[in-house]
Amino acid sequence: MNVLVVYCHPVAESFVAACRDRVLAGLAAGGHAVRLTDLYADGFEPAMSLAERAAHADPGVAPELQRYADDLAWAHALVLVYPTWFGGQPAMLKGWIDRVWVAGVAWELPEGKSVLRPLLTNVRRIVVVTTHGSPKYVNALQGEGGKRTAFRSIRLMCSKRTRTTWCALYGLDRASAARREQFLERVERTLRKLR
């Protein structure tokens, strides 16, 4: 499969970076073709400009974002690797979604219709690998915003048969080295078996 990995964390030595490395190792072991997008390394600008918003009804992305749109069109699977901050995706990742998953790339609204038509039907798998500093019950009380964005919003722009996998380590701030390693092994195993 063609797998697009979108990684979002500012610290090169972070646990999330270790998760990214295990994602890549698992995908390599599974024989998948991989493209890695590192939003911080790219210096991705998450804020949509006024001009960009004014052109929102026009299909397509700003020229500087075309490679991100091309990667989505290439992918059969999307893997998002990020820390959960304040119940959701970091601003840079949310900005990537806001600015790249636009009309003409992720969806279209046919004339006279009131329901969006998905354009990323090539994407049949979405995997989220994320960490939470707090325990799972705190995330549940917050409404699991990150999970909803990935599996209820993004997924709707993909194939109707898109399958999802949520790989989360809760309570990272208090997790032992052994628990962290178990999670990394789970991440690598999950991506190795990706179908």
C-alpha atoms as a PDB file:
ATOM      1  CA  MET A   1       0.000   0.000   0.000  1.00  0.00           C
ATOM      2  CA  ASN A   2       0.972   3.635  -0.407  1.00  0.00           C
ATOM      3  CA  VAL A   3       1.081   5.043   3.112  1.00  0.00           C
ATOM      4  CA  LEU A   4       1.251   8.735   3.972  1.00  0.00           C
ATOM      5  CA  VAL A   5       2.609   9.347   7.477  1.00  0.00           C
ATOM      6  CA  VAL A   6       1.945  12.833   8.847  1.00  0.00           C
ATOM      7  CA  TYR A   7       4.068  13.538  11.917  1.00  0.00           C
ATOM      8  CA  CYS A   8       3.613  16.557  14.171  1.00  0.00           C
ATOM      9  CA  HIS A   9       5.859  17.265  17.154  1.00  0.00           C
ATOM     10  CA  PRO A  10       8.392  20.059  17.720  1.00  0.00           C
ATOM     11  CA  VAL A  11      10.896  18.061  19.811  1.00  0.00           C
ATOM     12  CA  ALA A  12      13.233  15.693  17.976  1.00  0.00           C
ATOM     13  CA  GLU A  13      13.884  13.560  21.102  1.00  0.00           C
ATOM     14  CA  SER A  14      10.240  13.238  22.163  1.00  0.00           C
ATOM     15  CA  PHE A  15       8.397  10.013  22.845  1.00  0.00           C
ATOM     16  CA  VAL A  16       6.165  10.879  19.884  1.00  0.00           C
ATOM     17  CA  ALA A  17       9.300  10.897  17.706  1.00  0.00           C
ATOM     18  CA  ALA A  18      10.023   7.378  18.980  1.00  0.00           C
ATOM     19  CA  CYS A  19       6.450   6.463  17.976  1.00  0.00           C
ATOM     20  CA  ARG A  20       7.099   7.861  14.491  1.00  0.00           C
ATOM     21  CA  ASP A  21      10.250   5.754  14.202  1.00  0.00           C
ATOM     22  CA  ARG A  22       8.319   2.614  15.172  1.00  0.00           C
ATOM     23  CA  VAL A  23       5.569   3.491  12.680  1.00  0.00           C
ATOM     24  CA  LEU A  24       8.182   3.743   9.924  1.00  0.00           C
ATOM     25  CA  ALA A  25       9.872   0.514  11.024  1.00  0.00           C
ATOM     26  CA  GLY A  26       6.563  -1.359  11.008  1.00  0.00           C
ATOM     27  CA  LEU A  27       5.607  -0.032   7.578  1.00  0.00           C
ATOM     28  CA  ALA A  28       9.043  -0.941   6.168  1.00  0.00           C
ATOM     29  CA  ALA A  29       8.716  -4.481   7.572  1.00  0.00           C
ATOM     30  CA  GLY A  30       5.272  -4.711   5.955  1.00  0.00           C
ATOM     31  CA  GLY A  31       6.716  -3.757   2.556  1.00  0.00           C
ATOM     32  CA  HIS A  32       4.664  -0.602   2.123  1.00  0.00           C
ATOM     33  CA  ALA A  33       5.626   2.452   0.064  1.00  0.00           C
ATOM     34  CA  VAL A  34       5.889   5.358   2.503  1.00  0.00           C
ATOM     35  CA  ARG A  35       5.924   9.135   2.292  1.00  0.00           C
ATOM     36  CA  LEU A  36       6.681  11.018   5.511  1.00  0.00           C
ATOM     37  CA  THR A  37       5.462  14.550   6.113  1.00  0.00           C
ATOM     38  CA  ASP A  38       7.089  16.211   9.129  1.00  0.00           C
ATOM     39  CA  LEU A  39       5.056  19.372   9.640  1.00  0.00           C
ATOM     40  CA  TYR A  40       7.556  21.049  11.984  1.00  0.00           C
ATOM     41  CA  ALA A  41      10.539  20.228   9.760  1.00  0.00           C
ATOM     42  CA  ASP A  42       8.545  21.660   6.835  1.00  0.00           C
ATOM     43  CA  GLY A  43       7.830  24.853   8.777  1.00  0.00           C
ATOM     44  CA  PHE A  44       4.165  24.330   7.914  1.00  0.00           C
ATOM     45  CA  GLU A  45       2.090  27.470   8.464  1.00  0.00           C
ATOM     46  CA  PRO A  46      -1.133  26.335  10.164  1.00  0.00           C
ATOM     47  CA  ALA A  47      -3.005  29.633   9.919  1.00  0.00           C
ATOM     48  CA  MET A  48      -5.229  30.110   6.892  1.00  0.00           C
ATOM     49  CA  SER A  49      -4.625  33.535   5.340  1.00  0.00           C
ATOM     50  CA  LEU A  50      -7.421  35.969   4.533  1.00  0.00           C
ATOM     51  CA  ALA A  51      -6.745  35.557   0.792  1.00  0.00           C
ATOM     52  CA  GLU A  52      -6.801  31.776   1.139  1.00  0.00           C
ATOM     53  CA  ARG A  53     -10.132  31.910   2.992  1.00  0.00           C
ATOM     54  CA  ALA A  54     -11.575  34.289   0.394  1.00  0.00           C
ATOM     55  CA  ALA A  55     -10.717  31.720  -2.302  1.00  0.00           C
ATOM     56  CA  HIS A  56     -12.175  28.858  -0.235  1.00  0.00           C
ATOM     57  CA  ALA A  57     -15.051  28.264  -2.648  1.00  0.00           C
ATOM     58  CA  ASP A  58     -12.577  27.684  -5.485  1.00  0.00           C
ATOM     59  CA  PRO A  59     -11.421  24.064  -5.761  1.00  0.00           C
ATOM     60  CA  GLY A  60      -7.831  23.279  -4.865  1.00  0.00           C
ATOM     61  CA  VAL A  61      -5.156  24.435  -2.465  1.00  0.00           C
ATOM     62  CA  ALA A  62      -2.766  27.369  -2.403  1.00  0.00           C
ATOM     63  CA  PRO A  63       0.222  26.611  -4.677  1.00  0.00           C
ATOM     64  CA  GLU A  64       2.614  26.135  -1.755  1.00  0.00           C
ATOM     65  CA  LEU A  65       0.344  23.347  -0.434  1.00  0.00           C
ATOM     66  CA  GLN A  66       0.045  21.350  -3.658  1.00  0.00           C
ATOM     67  CA  ARG A  67       2.582  18.705  -2.631  1.00  0.00           C
ATOM     68  CA  TYR A  68       0.478  17.909   0.462  1.00  0.00           C
ATOM     69  CA  ALA A  69      -2.613  17.501  -1.734  1.00  0.00           C
ATOM     70  CA  ASP A  70      -0.615  15.316  -4.146  1.00  0.00           C
ATOM     71  CA  ASP A  71       0.469  13.095  -1.248  1.00  0.00           C
ATOM     72  CA  LEU A  72      -3.161  12.602  -0.209  1.00  0.00           C
ATOM     73  CA  ALA A  73      -4.130  11.679  -3.779  1.00  0.00           C
ATOM     74  CA  TRP A  74      -1.273   9.109  -3.804  1.00  0.00           C
ATOM     75  CA  ALA A  75      -2.096   7.466  -0.468  1.00  0.00           C
ATOM     76  CA  HIS A  76      -4.093   4.312   0.225  1.00  0.00           C
ATOM     77  CA  ALA A  77      -3.552   4.752   3.958  1.00  0.00           C
ATOM     78  CA  LEU A  78      -3.042   7.754   6.223  1.00  0.00           C
ATOM     79  CA  VAL A  79      -1.145   7.513   9.509  1.00  0.00           C
ATOM     80  CA  LEU A  80      -1.253  10.514  11.852  1.00  0.00           C
ATOM     81  CA  VAL A  81       1.405  10.624  14.586  1.00  0.00           C
ATOM     82  CA  TYR A  82       1.032  13.393  17.155  1.00  0.00           C
ATOM     83  CA  PRO A  83       0.639  14.244  20.842  1.00  0.00           C
ATOM     84  CA  THR A  84      -2.850  15.030  22.089  1.00  0.00           C
ATOM     85  CA  TRP A  85      -2.817  18.529  23.544  1.00  0.00           C
ATOM     86  CA  PHE A  86      -5.890  19.992  25.249  1.00  0.00           C
ATOM     87  CA  GLY A  87      -8.000  17.088  23.996  1.00  0.00           C
ATOM     88  CA  GLY A  88      -7.126  17.309  20.297  1.00  0.00           C
ATOM     89  CA  GLN A  89      -4.547  17.628  17.557  1.00  0.00           C
ATOM     90  CA  PRO A  90      -1.768  20.218  17.876  1.00  0.00           C
ATOM     91  CA  ALA A  91      -2.492  23.497  16.058  1.00  0.00           C
ATOM     92  CA  MET A  92      -0.043  22.688  13.276  1.00  0.00           C
ATOM     93  CA  LEU A  93      -1.766  19.379  12.464  1.00  0.00           C
ATOM     94  CA  LYS A  94      -5.216  20.951  12.717  1.00  0.00           C
ATOM     95  CA  GLY A  95      -3.985  23.682  10.358  1.00  0.00           C
ATOM     96  CA  TRP A  96      -2.819  21.011   7.886  1.00  0.00           C
ATOM     97  CA  ILE A  97      -6.323  19.551   7.965  1.00  0.00           C
ATOM     98  CA  ASP A  98      -7.975  22.985   7.597  1.00  0.00           C
ATOM     99  CA  ARG A  99      -5.740  24.111   4.733  1.00  0.00           C
ATOM    100  CA  VAL A 100      -5.220  20.874   2.765  1.00  0.00           C
ATOM    101  CA  TRP A 101      -8.501  18.973   3.162  1.00  0.00           C
ATOM    102  CA  VAL A 102     -10.396  21.519   1.057  1.00  0.00           C
ATOM    103  CA  ALA A 103     -12.796  21.568  -1.887  1.00  0.00           C
ATOM    104  CA  GLY A 104     -11.233  20.000  -4.944  1.00  0.00           C
ATOM    105  CA  VAL A 105      -8.819  17.944  -2.808  1.00  0.00           C
ATOM    106  CA  ALA A 106     -10.866  16.151  -0.148  1.00  0.00           C
ATOM    107  CA  TRP A 107     -14.426  16.909  -1.212  1.00  0.00           C
ATOM    108  CA  GLU A 108     -16.742  18.651  -3.635  1.00  0.00           C
ATOM    109  CA  LEU A 109     -20.275  19.940  -3.393  1.00  0.00           C
ATOM    110  CA  PRO A 110     -22.072  19.134  -6.642  1.00  0.00           C
ATOM    111  CA  GLU A 111     -24.298  21.898  -7.935  1.00  0.00           C
ATOM    112  CA  GLY A 112     -27.802  21.702  -6.523  1.00  0.00           C
ATOM    113  CA  LYS A 113     -26.766  19.245  -3.809  1.00  0.00           C
ATOM    114  CA  SER A 114     -26.536  19.736  -0.061  1.00  0.00           C
ATOM    115  CA  VAL A 115     -24.234  16.810   0.750  1.00  0.00           C
ATOM    116  CA  LEU A 116     -20.473  16.796   0.180  1.00  0.00           C
ATOM    117  CA  ARG A 117     -19.044  14.157  -2.135  1.00  0.00           C
ATOM    118  CA  PRO A 118     -15.740  12.691  -0.903  1.00  0.00           C
ATOM    119  CA  LEU A 119     -12.786  12.878  -3.281  1.00  0.00           C
ATOM    120  CA  LEU A 120     -10.184  10.913  -1.297  1.00  0.00           C
ATOM    121  CA  THR A 121     -11.795   7.547  -1.992  1.00  0.00           C
ATOM    122  CA  ASN A 122      -8.286   6.159  -2.576  1.00  0.00           C
ATOM    123  CA  VAL A 123      -7.731   6.336   1.220  1.00  0.00           C
ATOM    124  CA  ARG A 124      -9.008   3.090   2.744  1.00  0.00           C
ATOM    125  CA  ARG A 125      -7.174   3.056   6.100  1.00  0.00           C
ATOM    126  CA  ILE A 126      -6.634   5.702   8.755  1.00  0.00           C
ATOM    127  CA  VAL A 127      -4.400   5.019  11.722  1.00  0.00           C
ATOM    128  CA  VAL A 128      -3.850   7.463  14.565  1.00  0.00           C
ATOM    129  CA  VAL A 129      -0.843   7.055  16.863  1.00  0.00           C
ATOM    130  CA  THR A 130      -1.067   9.519  19.719  1.00  0.00           C
ATOM    131  CA  THR A 131      -0.155  10.126  23.333  1.00  0.00           C
ATOM    132  CA  HIS A 132      -2.093  11.694  26.191  1.00  0.00           C
ATOM    133  CA  GLY A 133      -0.479  13.069  29.333  1.00  0.00           C
ATOM    134  CA  SER A 134      -3.670  12.394  31.261  1.00  0.00           C
ATOM    135  CA  PRO A 135      -5.530   9.136  31.894  1.00  0.00           C
ATOM    136  CA  LYS A 136      -8.136   7.825  29.445  1.00  0.00           C
ATOM    137  CA  TYR A 137     -11.095   8.912  31.604  1.00  0.00           C
ATOM    138  CA  VAL A 138      -9.981  12.559  31.338  1.00  0.00           C
ATOM    139  CA  ASN A 139      -9.925  12.307  27.535  1.00  0.00           C
ATOM    140  CA  ALA A 140     -13.352  10.647  27.618  1.00  0.00           C
ATOM    141  CA  LEU A 141     -14.708  13.504  29.775  1.00  0.00           C
ATOM    142  CA  GLN A 142     -13.282  15.974  27.242  1.00  0.00           C
ATOM    143  CA  GLY A 143     -15.246  14.234  24.496  1.00  0.00           C
ATOM    144  CA  GLU A 144     -12.312  12.660  22.631  1.00  0.00           C
ATOM    145  CA  GLY A 145     -12.004  15.574  20.216  1.00  0.00           C
ATOM    146  CA  GLY A 146      -8.959  14.194  18.410  1.00  0.00           C
ATOM    147  CA  LYS A 147     -10.632  10.871  17.770  1.00  0.00           C
ATOM    148  CA  ARG A 148     -13.793  12.570  16.505  1.00  0.00           C
ATOM    149  CA  THR A 149     -11.822  14.787  14.107  1.00  0.00           C
ATOM    150  CA  ALA A 150      -9.938  11.821  12.635  1.00  0.00           C
ATOM    151  CA  PHE A 151     -12.699   9.239  12.511  1.00  0.00           C
ATOM    152  CA  ARG A 152     -15.850  11.290  12.038  1.00  0.00           C
ATOM    153  CA  SER A 153     -14.675  14.267   9.968  1.00  0.00           C
ATOM    154  CA  ILE A 154     -11.591  13.231   7.997  1.00  0.00           C
ATOM    155  CA  ARG A 155     -12.876   9.701   7.413  1.00  0.00           C
ATOM    156  CA  LEU A 156     -15.999  11.025   5.683  1.00  0.00           C
ATOM    157  CA  MET A 157     -13.827  12.437   2.890  1.00  0.00           C
ATOM    158  CA  CYS A 158     -12.303   8.993   2.218  1.00  0.00           C
ATOM    159  CA  SER A 159     -13.611   5.683   0.898  1.00  0.00           C
ATOM    160  CA  LYS A 160     -16.918   4.537   2.390  1.00  0.00           C
ATOM    161  CA  ARG A 161     -15.091   1.387   3.483  1.00  0.00           C
ATOM    162  CA  THR A 162     -12.238   3.160   5.228  1.00  0.00           C
ATOM    163  CA  ARG A 163     -11.196   1.261   8.337  1.00  0.00           C
ATOM    164  CA  THR A 164      -9.722   3.031  11.345  1.00  0.00           C
ATOM    165  CA  THR A 165      -7.271   2.184  14.103  1.00  0.00           C
ATOM    166  CA  TRP A 166      -6.779   4.247  17.263  1.00  0.00           C
ATOM    167  CA  CYS A 167      -3.407   3.587  18.920  1.00  0.00           C
ATOM    168  CA  ALA A 168      -3.151   5.758  22.030  1.00  0.00           C
ATOM    169  CA  LEU A 169      -0.980   5.745  25.105  1.00  0.00           C
ATOM    170  CA  TYR A 170      -2.881   7.370  27.945  1.00  0.00           C
ATOM    171  CA  GLY A 171      -1.170   8.624  31.109  1.00  0.00           C
ATOM    172  CA  LEU A 172       2.162   9.160  29.367  1.00  0.00           C
ATOM    173  CA  ASP A 173       3.333  11.560  32.079  1.00  0.00           C
ATOM    174  CA  ARG A 174       3.346   8.712  34.626  1.00  0.00           C
ATOM    175  CA  ALA A 175       4.042   5.770  32.331  1.00  0.00           C
ATOM    176  CA  SER A 176       6.961   3.543  33.258  1.00  0.00           C
ATOM    177  CA  ALA A 177       9.746   2.761  30.802  1.00  0.00           C
ATOM    178  CA  ALA A 178       8.324  -0.752  30.443  1.00  0.00           C
ATOM    179  CA  ARG A 179       4.834   0.550  29.635  1.00  0.00           C
ATOM    180  CA  ARG A 180       6.260   2.980  27.093  1.00  0.00           C
ATOM    181  CA  GLU A 181       8.223   0.188  25.427  1.00  0.00           C
ATOM    182  CA  GLN A 182       5.118  -2.022  25.321  1.00  0.00           C
ATOM    183  CA  PHE A 183       3.267   0.750  23.537  1.00  0.00           C
ATOM    184  CA  LEU A 184       6.101   1.227  21.018  1.00  0.00           C
ATOM    185  CA  GLU A 185       6.051  -2.507  20.301  1.00  0.00           C
ATOM    186  CA  ARG A 186       2.284  -2.341  19.807  1.00  0.00           C
ATOM    187  CA  VAL A 187       2.677   0.565  17.376  1.00  0.00           C
ATOM    188  CA  GLU A 188       5.286  -1.260  15.293  1.00  0.00           C
ATOM    189  CA  ARG A 189       3.253  -4.495  15.275  1.00  0.00           C
ATOM    190  CA  THR A 190       0.077  -2.628  14.250  1.00  0.00           C
ATOM    191  CA  LEU A 191       1.778  -0.925  11.308  1.00  0.00           C
ATOM    192  CA  ARG A 192       3.583  -4.097  10.231  1.00  0.00           C
ATOM    193  CA  LYS A 193       0.174  -5.801   9.906  1.00  0.00           C
ATOM    194  CA  LEU A 194      -1.492  -2.872   8.109  1.00  0.00           C
ATOM    195  CA  ARG A 195      -3.830  -4.028   5.334  1.00  0.00           C
END
